[in-house]
Amino acid sequence: MRALSRSAIFVALVALSTPRSVRCQDHSLASLEQRIVLLERKNLELEQRVRDLEAVSKGSPVKAQSVPTTGNWRDIANWRRLKRGMSMDQVRELLGEPDRVDGGGVAYWHWGKGAEAATVTFIADELAEWSEPRR
């Protein structure tokens, strides 16, 4: 009889603790999945950088590096990826379509208005300079 009551108490304790642990596991699982995605993305970026460095050390030209984009000109991280000499298509892929374009030998692309305005300047169809949007 004593063993039966101990078993019943044990089963009751396990049953009471199960919902709480399941909720914690769900939260932990979502957190782990998010970390896995971030780590996989970082791994891909690092592998690309290693390939580029190996190509340079072997003397072969580096292929145009693919830039992960959000296409959002308001994202400061995208502005920090800009490099002189980028083509108009590369800038468009990174920042999205400009709101306004002033063309000619020197082209100015504009995003936003007022305090958050940002511009990109192209000379001979290559990125020459830019001003980030203000935060």
Protein backbone atom coordinates (compact mmCIF):
# COMPACT_ATOMS: atom_id res chain seq x y z
CA MET A 1 0.00 0.00 0.00
CA ARG A 2 2.82 2.35 0.86
CA ALA A 3 4.46 1.79 -2.55
CA LEU A 4 1.13 2.52 -4.25
CA SER A 5 0.73 5.85 -2.43
CA ARG A 6 4.32 6.82 -3.27
CA SER A 7 3.67 6.02 -6.94
CA ALA A 8 0.47 8.07 -6.89
CA ILE A 9 2.26 11.06 -5.35
CA PHE A 10 5.08 10.76 -7.89
CA VAL A 11 2.61 10.64 -10.82
CA ALA A 12 0.75 13.67 -9.42
CA LEU A 13 3.97 15.67 -9.11
CA VAL A 14 5.00 14.82 -12.66
CA ALA A 15 1.55 15.75 -13.98
CA LEU A 16 1.64 19.12 -12.19
CA SER A 17 5.09 19.99 -13.50
CA THR A 18 4.52 18.95 -17.13
CA PRO A 19 2.65 22.02 -18.49
CA ARG A 20 5.25 24.40 -17.08
CA SER A 21 8.16 22.46 -18.57
CA VAL A 22 6.40 22.18 -21.95
CA ARG A 23 6.00 25.96 -22.09
CA CYS A 24 9.67 26.45 -21.24
CA GLN A 25 10.65 23.92 -23.87
CA ASP A 26 8.55 25.72 -26.52
CA HIS A 27 10.21 29.03 -25.67
CA SER A 28 13.66 27.45 -25.59
CA LEU A 29 13.01 25.67 -28.89
CA ALA A 30 12.00 28.91 -30.64
CA SER A 31 15.06 30.65 -29.24
CA LEU A 32 17.32 27.82 -30.39
CA GLU A 33 15.79 27.82 -33.88
CA GLN A 34 16.37 31.57 -34.16
CA ARG A 35 20.00 31.16 -33.06
CA ILE A 36 20.49 28.37 -35.61
CA VAL A 37 19.22 30.60 -38.43
CA LEU A 38 21.52 33.44 -37.35
CA LEU A 39 24.51 31.10 -37.07
CA GLU A 40 23.84 29.56 -40.49
CA ARG A 41 23.67 33.03 -42.05
CA LYS A 42 26.91 34.08 -40.35
CA ASN A 43 28.56 30.82 -41.48
CA LEU A 44 27.58 31.49 -45.11
CA GLU A 45 29.01 35.01 -44.91
CA LEU A 46 32.26 33.71 -43.42
CA GLU A 47 32.57 30.98 -46.06
CA GLN A 48 32.15 33.61 -48.79
CA ARG A 49 34.83 35.80 -47.20
CA VAL A 50 37.23 32.83 -47.02
CA ARG A 51 36.59 32.01 -50.70
CA ASP A 52 37.28 35.65 -51.63
CA LEU A 53 40.50 35.71 -49.62
CA GLU A 54 41.64 32.43 -51.15
CA ALA A 55 40.95 33.78 -54.63
CA VAL A 56 43.02 36.89 -53.90
CA SER A 57 45.91 34.83 -52.52
CA LYS A 58 45.88 32.62 -55.63
CA GLY A 59 45.93 35.69 -57.87
CA SER A 60 42.55 35.06 -59.48
CA PRO A 61 40.04 37.92 -59.64
CA VAL A 62 37.35 38.02 -57.00
CA LYS A 63 33.83 37.61 -58.33
CA ALA A 64 31.32 40.31 -57.54
CA GLN A 65 30.37 39.74 -53.95
CA SER A 66 26.72 39.14 -53.29
CA VAL A 67 25.39 41.51 -50.67
CA PRO A 68 22.58 40.33 -48.41
CA THR A 69 19.92 42.98 -48.68
CA THR A 70 16.64 44.08 -47.27
CA GLY A 71 16.08 46.66 -50.05
CA ASN A 72 15.23 49.20 -47.38
CA TRP A 73 16.88 52.61 -47.60
CA ARG A 74 15.91 53.39 -43.99
CA ASP A 75 18.11 50.52 -42.74
CA ILE A 76 21.45 52.10 -41.76
CA ALA A 77 23.16 48.72 -42.11
CA ASN A 78 22.44 48.84 -45.86
CA TRP A 79 24.11 52.25 -46.13
CA ARG A 80 27.15 50.89 -44.34
CA ARG A 81 27.50 48.22 -47.06
CA LEU A 82 27.89 50.82 -49.81
CA LYS A 83 31.28 50.96 -51.51
CA ARG A 84 32.63 53.43 -54.05
CA GLY A 85 32.41 52.12 -57.59
CA MET A 86 29.21 50.11 -57.06
CA SER A 87 26.86 50.06 -60.03
CA MET A 88 23.42 51.61 -60.06
CA ASP A 89 21.87 48.13 -60.05
CA GLN A 90 23.85 47.12 -56.95
CA VAL A 91 22.76 50.28 -55.11
CA ARG A 92 19.16 49.78 -56.21
CA GLU A 93 19.26 46.18 -54.91
CA LEU A 94 20.67 47.35 -51.59
CA LEU A 95 18.57 50.48 -50.95
CA GLY A 96 15.52 49.97 -53.16
CA GLU A 97 14.06 52.34 -55.75
CA PRO A 98 14.82 56.02 -55.10
CA ASP A 99 11.96 58.46 -54.61
CA ARG A 100 13.51 60.92 -57.05
CA VAL A 101 16.38 60.91 -59.56
CA ASP A 102 18.28 63.93 -60.89
CA GLY A 103 20.21 62.63 -63.89
CA GLY A 104 23.00 63.65 -66.21
CA GLY A 105 26.75 63.09 -66.17
CA VAL A 106 26.43 63.24 -62.41
CA ALA A 107 23.28 61.52 -61.13
CA TYR A 108 21.71 62.12 -57.74
CA TRP A 109 19.30 59.63 -56.21
CA HIS A 110 17.10 60.82 -53.36
CA TRP A 111 15.16 58.92 -50.69
CA GLY A 112 12.84 60.45 -48.11
CA LYS A 113 12.18 64.08 -47.30
CA GLY A 114 13.11 66.59 -44.67
CA ALA A 115 15.30 65.49 -41.77
CA GLU A 116 15.36 61.84 -42.87
CA ALA A 117 16.41 62.57 -46.47
CA ALA A 118 19.28 60.58 -47.94
CA THR A 119 21.14 60.86 -51.24
CA VAL A 120 23.51 58.88 -53.42
CA THR A 121 25.73 60.42 -56.10
CA PHE A 122 26.87 58.58 -59.22
CA ILE A 123 29.61 59.77 -61.55
CA ALA A 124 29.89 57.89 -64.84
CA ASP A 125 27.34 55.36 -63.54
CA GLU A 126 29.50 54.43 -60.54
CA LEU A 127 28.79 55.23 -56.91
CA ALA A 128 30.92 58.21 -55.88
CA GLU A 129 29.44 59.41 -52.58
CA TRP A 130 26.36 59.22 -50.35
CA SER A 131 24.74 60.67 -47.27
CA GLU A 132 22.90 58.34 -44.90
CA PRO A 133 19.45 59.12 -43.53
CA ARG A 134 19.47 60.63 -40.09
CA ARG A 135 18.12 58.57 -37.25
